[in-house]
Amino acid sequence: MENIQTLPSANQIWYTSSDGAVINPSARYFSARLVSNTYEQGWGVITFNKPLTDIGWNAFFECKTLKSVVFPLGVVEIANGVCKGCTALDKVVIPDSVTKIGDEAFALCDALQSVSIPESVENIGKDAFDSHTQVTRRAKSMPADNEIWYSTTDDKPLEINVGIADAELEQNIYQNGVGILRFGAYISTISKNAFYDCKTITSVTFPRSVTSVGEHAFSGCTELVRVTMTDSVKSIAAFAFEGCRSLKILDLGEGVESIGEYAFARCLSLKSFVVPERVQCIAEGLLSNCTNITKVYLGSSVSKIEQYAFERCRTLQEFYCKSTQPIFGADMLPLSMGMRLYVPQDAVERYKLSESWSQYAERIFGYTPEEQHA
């Protein structure tokens, strides 16, 4: 437990103020409805009606007495100007779930001397921090090989099914905003139906020992926002995360070799999806009914895309393909919907001149794979 951050529950923000009084942020700039804001025993607690995923534009703008703020696990984005002009702010805790920090998010924070940023952060906006603020990167915290970490909407331990992994569950505790499932031995498999239809789980982090995720393991977990795997995971079975409508942060690692059919179907909050490098076949219905997805990044090994893989993905606009050779045909992608294909710069003409792609030449553009997640 010692390497787990002390964090609020998923629907709270903790803070302190220089005068010991309640601070009133701009309530409309959060991804959930603010239901209470109290200050007792030296801590302020802002509570929302559901787990937070975004801290919106100028939420704490020029809150002059804000001294420290702790965001909960599950927050994905800290938007532009969130704490700009908070001149007393000297401590910020940013959880491992954050992937983006906006422009001037912590600008003009005169007292903020240092801040630790998790490696999950992919985008840091212009002038997000003042020049005097020392910004350091930290590795994300990971469970031991006999543990699974999680968080919940109600800040309580999960009611666990029997046989959720290939070792006997010995302990299920919840503290500091993090739940820990501790097993009697290291685990390699998340079992079939392990967390099926669990309505309170908001995040899950697998240990480095896990190599496979079973069928329907998290299917129907409607409040699940974040999933963190490691490079040890090789296979994700059919329907594993089907119906996880709140899922926004998905780290599959780099070791996945196969993903089953409909594994991420009906994940309504997914906006992009990265197919791992070793995956050769995009299975039937993989992202079916992901109605808000806009980008898909195809690893260089993809050679086959099965039917219905992108069925009813009406917002999908861009495919990024790392392969320098047109190893799959245009008929495998729903290009009739007006989408664009991005390929490595030096492969553009090769795709445009190939028999399969020539009729779609005007939709083929170059990009630099190293910058694909920018």
Protein backbone atom coordinates (compact mmCIF):
# COMPACT_ATOMS: atom_id res chain seq x y z
CA MET A 1 0.00 0.00 0.00
CA GLU A 2 2.90 2.35 0.56
CA ASN A 3 3.28 3.24 -3.14
CA ILE A 4 -0.40 4.10 -3.61
CA GLN A 5 -1.26 7.78 -3.53
CA THR A 6 -3.72 8.95 -0.89
CA LEU A 7 -6.59 10.10 -3.07
CA PRO A 8 -10.22 11.15 -2.72
CA SER A 9 -13.06 8.89 -3.77
CA ALA A 10 -13.89 9.07 -7.48
CA ASN A 11 -16.63 11.68 -6.95
CA GLN A 12 -14.66 14.08 -4.72
CA ILE A 13 -11.96 16.74 -4.81
CA TRP A 14 -9.99 17.54 -1.65
CA TYR A 15 -8.48 20.95 -0.99
CA THR A 16 -7.15 23.30 1.66
CA SER A 17 -7.49 27.06 1.87
CA SER A 18 -5.19 29.65 3.40
CA ASP A 19 -7.99 31.10 5.54
CA GLY A 20 -9.64 27.81 6.53
CA ALA A 21 -12.83 28.67 4.69
CA VAL A 22 -14.81 27.02 1.91
CA ILE A 23 -13.67 27.81 -1.63
CA ASN A 24 -16.38 28.04 -4.25
CA PRO A 25 -15.17 26.92 -7.69
CA SER A 26 -17.11 27.47 -10.90
CA ALA A 27 -19.48 24.53 -10.51
CA ARG A 28 -20.55 24.46 -14.17
CA TYR A 29 -17.04 23.56 -15.32
CA PHE A 30 -16.97 19.99 -14.00
CA SER A 31 -18.08 16.76 -15.69
CA ALA A 32 -20.49 16.02 -12.84
CA ARG A 33 -22.95 18.01 -10.73
CA LEU A 34 -21.59 19.53 -7.50
CA VAL A 35 -23.78 18.42 -4.60
CA SER A 36 -21.85 19.59 -1.51
CA ASN A 37 -18.80 21.60 -0.46
CA THR A 38 -17.67 21.46 3.17
CA TYR A 39 -14.59 22.47 5.16
CA GLU A 40 -13.92 20.58 8.39
CA GLN A 41 -10.83 19.62 10.40
CA GLY A 42 -8.50 21.43 8.05
CA TRP A 43 -9.76 19.91 4.78
CA GLY A 44 -12.26 20.98 2.17
CA VAL A 45 -14.26 18.28 0.39
CA ILE A 46 -16.16 18.96 -2.83
CA THR A 47 -18.57 16.12 -3.60
CA PHE A 48 -20.22 15.42 -6.96
CA ASN A 49 -23.16 13.26 -7.97
CA LYS A 50 -20.97 10.85 -9.96
CA PRO A 51 -17.27 10.12 -10.65
CA LEU A 52 -15.31 12.96 -12.20
CA THR A 53 -13.57 12.55 -15.55
CA ASP A 54 -12.85 16.19 -16.47
CA ILE A 55 -11.86 19.31 -14.53
CA GLY A 56 -13.16 21.96 -16.88
CA TRP A 57 -12.01 25.30 -18.20
CA ASN A 58 -11.17 27.86 -15.45
CA ALA A 59 -12.78 25.71 -12.73
CA PHE A 60 -10.66 27.25 -9.93
CA PHE A 61 -9.65 30.38 -11.83
CA GLU A 62 -8.20 33.04 -9.48
CA CYS A 63 -9.29 31.28 -6.30
CA LYS A 64 -6.79 33.35 -4.32
CA THR A 65 -7.05 31.34 -1.07
CA LEU A 66 -6.73 27.88 -2.64
CA LYS A 67 -3.63 26.38 -1.02
CA SER A 68 -3.69 22.74 -2.14
CA VAL A 69 -5.86 20.55 -4.33
CA VAL A 70 -6.06 16.76 -4.74
CA PHE A 71 -7.85 15.37 -7.79
CA PRO A 72 -9.38 11.84 -7.73
CA LEU A 73 -8.33 8.80 -9.70
CA GLY A 74 -10.47 8.72 -12.85
CA VAL A 75 -9.90 12.32 -13.92
CA VAL A 76 -8.73 12.26 -17.54
CA GLU A 77 -8.38 15.92 -18.45
CA ILE A 78 -7.36 19.04 -16.55
CA ALA A 79 -8.50 21.79 -18.90
CA ASN A 80 -7.21 25.25 -19.80
CA GLY A 81 -6.78 27.71 -16.94
CA VAL A 82 -8.07 25.33 -14.26
CA CYS A 83 -6.02 26.91 -11.46
CA LYS A 84 -4.68 29.97 -13.25
CA GLY A 85 -4.02 32.85 -10.88
CA CYS A 86 -4.31 30.75 -7.70
CA THR A 87 -1.46 32.67 -6.08
CA ALA A 88 -1.50 30.74 -2.75
CA LEU A 89 -1.52 27.29 -4.36
CA ASP A 90 1.60 25.37 -3.27
CA LYS A 91 0.57 21.72 -3.72
CA VAL A 92 -1.23 19.82 -6.50
CA VAL A 93 -1.80 16.05 -6.61
CA ILE A 94 -2.42 14.78 -10.14
CA PRO A 95 -3.53 11.11 -10.29
CA ASP A 96 -2.26 8.43 -12.68
CA SER A 97 -5.43 8.62 -14.79
CA VAL A 98 -4.75 12.12 -16.20
CA THR A 99 -3.75 12.17 -19.89
CA LYS A 100 -4.03 15.89 -20.69
CA ILE A 101 -3.21 19.17 -18.95
CA GLY A 102 -4.48 22.26 -20.76
CA ASP A 103 -3.00 25.64 -21.64
CA GLU A 104 -2.14 27.84 -18.64
CA ALA A 105 -3.72 25.28 -16.31
CA PHE A 106 -1.40 26.31 -13.45
CA ALA A 107 -0.11 29.64 -14.77
CA LEU A 108 0.41 32.55 -12.35
CA CYS A 109 0.52 30.14 -9.39
CA ASP A 110 3.27 32.04 -7.58
CA ALA A 111 3.63 29.62 -4.65
CA LEU A 112 3.71 26.41 -6.72
CA GLN A 113 7.38 25.42 -6.62
CA SER A 114 7.11 21.82 -7.82
CA VAL A 115 4.60 19.34 -9.19
CA SER A 116 4.75 15.64 -10.06
CA ILE A 117 3.17 14.57 -13.35
CA PRO A 118 2.32 10.90 -14.02
CA GLU A 119 3.68 9.25 -17.16
CA SER A 120 0.06 8.82 -18.28
CA VAL A 121 0.03 12.52 -19.29
CA GLU A 122 0.49 12.65 -23.08
CA ASN A 123 -0.34 16.31 -23.72
CA ILE A 124 0.80 19.33 -21.71
CA GLY A 125 -0.59 22.64 -22.99
CA LYS A 126 1.20 25.88 -23.68
CA ASP A 127 2.38 27.66 -20.52
CA ALA A 128 0.62 25.03 -18.39
CA PHE A 129 3.12 25.83 -15.61
CA ASP A 130 5.19 28.92 -14.83
CA SER A 131 8.92 28.76 -15.45
CA HIS A 132 9.69 28.71 -11.71
CA THR A 133 7.61 25.55 -11.17
CA GLN A 134 9.75 22.42 -11.31
CA VAL A 135 7.83 19.73 -13.20
CA THR A 136 8.93 16.11 -12.72
CA ARG A 137 7.64 12.88 -14.25
CA ARG A 138 6.86 9.79 -12.19
CA ALA A 139 6.25 6.19 -13.17
CA LYS A 140 2.71 5.01 -12.65
CA SER A 141 2.05 2.96 -9.54
CA MET A 142 1.42 -0.73 -10.22
CA PRO A 143 0.01 -3.59 -8.12
CA ALA A 144 2.06 -6.49 -6.85
CA ASP A 145 1.71 -9.73 -8.84
CA ASN A 146 -0.90 -11.03 -6.40
CA GLU A 147 -3.04 -7.86 -6.43
CA ILE A 148 -5.61 -6.04 -8.54
CA TRP A 149 -6.26 -2.38 -7.80
CA TYR A 150 -9.63 -0.71 -8.40
CA SER A 151 -11.82 2.24 -7.49
CA THR A 152 -15.59 2.53 -7.07
CA THR A 153 -18.37 5.09 -7.27
CA ASP A 154 -19.36 4.64 -3.64
CA ASP A 155 -15.85 4.42 -2.13
CA LYS A 156 -16.64 0.93 -0.81
CA PRO A 157 -15.15 -2.52 -1.47
CA LEU A 158 -16.62 -4.42 -4.38
CA GLU A 159 -18.90 -7.38 -3.81
CA ILE A 160 -16.73 -9.95 -5.53
CA ASN A 161 -17.75 -13.07 -7.44
CA VAL A 162 -16.06 -16.34 -6.55
CA GLY A 163 -13.20 -17.25 -8.88
CA ILE A 164 -12.34 -13.86 -10.45
CA ALA A 165 -8.76 -14.97 -11.11
CA ASP A 166 -6.62 -18.13 -11.13
CA ALA A 167 -5.68 -17.83 -7.47
CA GLU A 168 -7.72 -17.73 -4.29
CA LEU A 169 -8.83 -14.29 -3.10
CA GLU A 170 -7.60 -13.66 0.45
CA GLN A 171 -8.33 -9.97 1.07
CA ASN A 172 -10.54 -7.18 -0.29
CA ILE A 173 -9.84 -3.80 1.28
CA TYR A 174 -10.60 -0.19 0.35
CA GLN A 175 -8.75 2.85 1.67
CA ASN A 176 -7.29 6.13 0.45
CA GLY A 177 -9.58 6.02 -2.59
CA VAL A 178 -8.14 2.69 -3.82
CA GLY A 179 -9.43 -0.85 -3.50
CA ILE A 180 -7.06 -3.82 -3.36
CA LEU A 181 -7.92 -7.41 -4.18
CA ARG A 182 -5.11 -9.51 -2.72
CA PHE A 183 -4.69 -13.15 -3.71
CA GLY A 184 -2.84 -16.07 -2.13
CA ALA A 185 -0.53 -16.40 -5.13
CA TYR A 186 0.39 -14.44 -8.23
CA ILE A 187 -2.37 -14.25 -10.85
CA SER A 188 -2.07 -14.71 -14.61
CA THR A 189 -5.72 -14.78 -15.70
CA ILE A 190 -8.73 -12.55 -15.15
CA SER A 191 -11.50 -15.14 -15.27
CA LYS A 192 -14.56 -15.31 -17.48
CA ASN A 193 -17.37 -13.10 -16.07
CA ALA A 194 -15.03 -11.97 -13.26
CA PHE A 195 -16.54 -8.47 -12.86
CA TYR A 196 -19.55 -8.97 -15.13
CA ASP A 197 -22.23 -6.28 -14.75
CA CYS A 198 -20.49 -4.60 -11.80
CA LYS A 199 -22.13 -1.18 -11.65
CA THR A 200 -19.82 0.54 -9.14
CA ILE A 201 -16.29 -0.14 -10.43
CA THR A 202 -14.72 2.98 -12.01
CA SER A 203 -11.12 1.90 -12.61
CA VAL A 204 -9.00 -1.23 -12.63
CA THR A 205 -5.23 -1.78 -12.76
CA PHE A 206 -3.78 -5.21 -13.53
CA PRO A 207 -0.47 -6.48 -12.15
CA ARG A 208 2.44 -7.33 -14.45
CA SER A 209 1.74 -11.05 -14.00
CA VAL A 210 -1.61 -11.05 -15.86
CA THR A 211 -1.42 -12.51 -19.36
CA SER A 212 -5.09 -12.95 -20.32
CA VAL A 213 -8.53 -11.42 -19.79
CA GLY A 214 -11.50 -13.78 -20.07
CA GLU A 215 -14.81 -13.52 -21.90
CA HIS A 216 -17.25 -10.95 -20.48
CA ALA A 217 -14.74 -10.22 -17.70
CA PHE A 218 -15.91 -6.58 -17.45
CA SER A 219 -18.94 -6.65 -19.72
CA GLY A 220 -21.68 -4.31 -18.54
CA CYS A 221 -19.46 -2.35 -16.11
CA THR A 222 -21.22 0.87 -17.04
CA GLU A 223 -19.23 3.19 -14.71
CA LEU A 224 -15.79 1.83 -15.62
CA VAL A 225 -13.72 4.83 -16.80
CA ARG A 226 -10.12 3.62 -16.78
CA VAL A 227 -8.39 0.30 -17.54
CA THR A 228 -4.62 -0.10 -17.12
CA MET A 229 -2.85 -3.22 -18.34
CA THR A 230 0.84 -4.02 -18.77
CA ASP A 231 2.92 -5.45 -21.60
CA SER A 232 2.45 -8.93 -20.11
CA VAL A 233 -1.18 -9.19 -21.32
CA LYS A 234 -1.26 -11.32 -24.48
CA SER A 235 -4.96 -11.98 -25.08
CA ILE A 236 -8.28 -10.25 -24.47
CA ALA A 237 -11.26 -12.53 -25.01
CA ALA A 238 -14.57 -11.88 -26.74
CA PHE A 239 -16.94 -9.35 -25.12
CA ALA A 240 -14.38 -8.65 -22.38
CA PHE A 241 -15.32 -4.94 -22.08
CA GLU A 242 -18.55 -4.89 -24.09
CA GLY A 243 -21.02 -2.30 -22.83
CA CYS A 244 -18.52 -0.31 -20.73
CA ARG A 245 -20.19 2.92 -21.79
CA SER A 246 -18.06 5.23 -19.56
CA LEU A 247 -14.68 3.84 -20.62
CA LYS A 248 -12.41 6.73 -21.67
CA ILE A 249 -8.86 5.76 -20.66
CA LEU A 250 -7.62 2.48 -22.10
CA ASP A 251 -4.00 1.34 -21.78
CA LEU A 252 -3.64 -2.15 -23.27
CA GLY A 253 0.15 -2.28 -23.03
CA GLU A 254 2.29 -3.39 -25.95
CA GLY A 255 2.15 -7.18 -25.61
CA VAL A 256 -1.41 -7.92 -26.76
CA GLU A 257 -1.49 -10.40 -29.65
CA SER A 258 -5.21 -11.12 -29.96
CA ILE A 259 -8.47 -9.35 -29.12
CA GLY A 260 -11.75 -11.26 -29.40
CA GLU A 261 -14.91 -10.30 -31.20
CA TYR A 262 -17.02 -7.46 -29.78
CA ALA A 263 -14.44 -7.01 -26.99
CA PHE A 264 -15.02 -3.22 -26.89
CA ALA A 265 -18.44 -2.95 -28.50
CA ARG A 266 -20.78 -0.30 -27.10
CA CYS A 267 -18.00 1.57 -25.30
CA LEU A 268 -19.78 4.86 -25.89
CA SER A 269 -17.15 7.16 -24.35
CA LEU A 270 -14.16 5.90 -26.31
CA LYS A 271 -12.88 8.62 -28.65
CA SER A 272 -9.84 6.79 -29.98
CA PHE A 273 -8.52 3.25 -30.03
CA VAL A 274 -4.95 1.99 -30.46
CA VAL A 275 -4.59 -1.50 -31.93
CA PRO A 276 -1.43 -2.98 -30.35
CA GLU A 277 1.54 -3.72 -32.62
CA ARG A 278 1.31 -7.51 -32.46
CA VAL A 279 -2.40 -7.81 -33.30
CA GLN A 280 -2.81 -9.23 -36.82
CA CYS A 281 -6.59 -9.48 -37.05
CA ILE A 282 -9.19 -6.93 -35.99
CA ALA A 283 -12.01 -9.18 -34.87
CA GLU A 284 -15.65 -9.06 -35.81
CA GLY A 285 -17.54 -6.25 -34.10
CA LEU A 286 -14.48 -5.13 -32.12
CA LEU A 287 -15.64 -1.49 -31.84
CA SER A 288 -19.24 -1.97 -32.95
CA ASN A 289 -21.54 0.81 -31.72
CA CYS A 290 -18.74 2.92 -30.28
CA THR A 291 -20.74 5.97 -31.30
CA ASN A 292 -18.25 8.67 -30.23
CA ILE A 293 -15.02 7.23 -31.58
CA THR A 294 -13.19 9.47 -34.06
CA LYS A 295 -9.75 7.83 -34.56
CA VAL A 296 -8.35 4.32 -34.83
CA TYR A 297 -4.60 3.62 -34.85
CA LEU A 298 -3.70 0.37 -36.62
CA GLY A 299 -0.51 -1.43 -35.62
CA SER A 300 1.89 -2.45 -38.38
CA SER A 301 0.95 -6.16 -38.08
CA VAL A 302 -2.74 -5.75 -38.99
CA SER A 303 -3.46 -7.76 -42.15
CA LYS A 304 -7.13 -8.63 -41.70
CA ILE A 305 -10.23 -6.73 -40.57
CA GLU A 306 -13.36 -8.79 -40.05
CA GLN A 307 -16.92 -7.71 -40.75
CA TYR A 308 -18.77 -5.32 -38.47
CA ALA A 309 -15.52 -4.32 -36.76
CA PHE A 310 -16.57 -0.65 -36.99
CA GLU A 311 -20.32 -1.06 -37.39
CA ARG A 312 -22.29 2.08 -36.49
CA CYS A 313 -19.15 4.05 -35.62
CA ARG A 314 -20.72 7.09 -37.26
CA THR A 315 -18.23 9.61 -35.85
CA LEU A 316 -15.16 7.68 -36.99
CA GLN A 317 -13.18 9.99 -39.28
CA GLU A 318 -9.54 8.88 -39.30
CA PHE A 319 -7.53 5.67 -39.59
CA TYR A 320 -3.79 5.77 -38.91
CA CYS A 321 -1.89 2.84 -40.42
CA LYS A 322 1.78 2.23 -39.49
CA SER A 323 2.45 -0.32 -42.22
CA THR A 324 4.48 1.02 -45.15
CA GLN A 325 2.87 -1.63 -47.39
CA PRO A 326 -0.86 -1.85 -48.25
CA ILE A 327 -1.21 -5.30 -46.68
CA PHE A 328 -4.99 -5.11 -46.34
CA GLY A 329 -7.50 -3.88 -48.87
CA ALA A 330 -9.63 -0.74 -48.88
CA ASP A 331 -12.72 -2.95 -48.78
CA MET A 332 -11.88 -3.82 -45.16
CA LEU A 333 -12.46 -0.23 -44.00
CA PRO A 334 -15.77 1.69 -44.20
CA LEU A 335 -14.27 4.36 -46.45
CA SER A 336 -17.62 4.92 -48.08
CA MET A 337 -18.47 7.04 -45.02
CA GLY A 338 -15.89 9.63 -46.06
CA MET A 339 -13.10 8.72 -43.69
CA ARG A 340 -9.40 9.42 -44.26
CA LEU A 341 -6.48 7.03 -44.18
CA TYR A 342 -3.15 8.26 -42.82
CA VAL A 343 -0.02 6.26 -43.71
CA PRO A 344 3.73 6.91 -43.20
CA GLN A 345 4.91 9.83 -45.31
CA ASP A 346 7.14 7.71 -47.54
CA ALA A 347 4.31 5.24 -48.23
CA VAL A 348 1.64 7.66 -49.51
CA GLU A 349 2.31 7.12 -53.22
CA ARG A 350 2.63 3.37 -52.71
CA TYR A 351 -0.89 3.23 -51.27
CA LYS A 352 -2.35 5.58 -53.87
CA LEU A 353 -0.97 3.49 -56.74
CA SER A 354 -1.97 0.10 -55.33
CA GLU A 355 -4.86 -1.67 -57.05
CA SER A 356 -6.99 -1.80 -53.92
CA TRP A 357 -6.51 1.81 -52.86
CA SER A 358 -6.24 3.78 -56.09
CA GLN A 359 -9.92 4.70 -56.20
CA TYR A 360 -9.56 6.29 -52.75
CA ALA A 361 -6.34 8.19 -53.51
CA GLU A 362 -7.83 11.54 -52.50
CA ARG A 363 -8.43 10.20 -48.99
CA ILE A 364 -4.87 9.03 -48.34
CA PHE A 365 -2.55 11.35 -46.42
CA GLY A 366 0.90 11.14 -44.86
CA TYR A 367 1.78 11.30 -41.17
CA THR A 368 4.66 10.52 -38.84
CA PRO A 369 3.83 7.40 -36.74
CA GLU A 370 5.91 8.65 -33.80
CA GLU A 371 3.46 11.55 -33.46
CA GLN A 372 0.29 9.50 -33.79
CA HIS A 373 -1.04 10.20 -30.29
CA ALA A 374 -0.45 13.97 -30.32
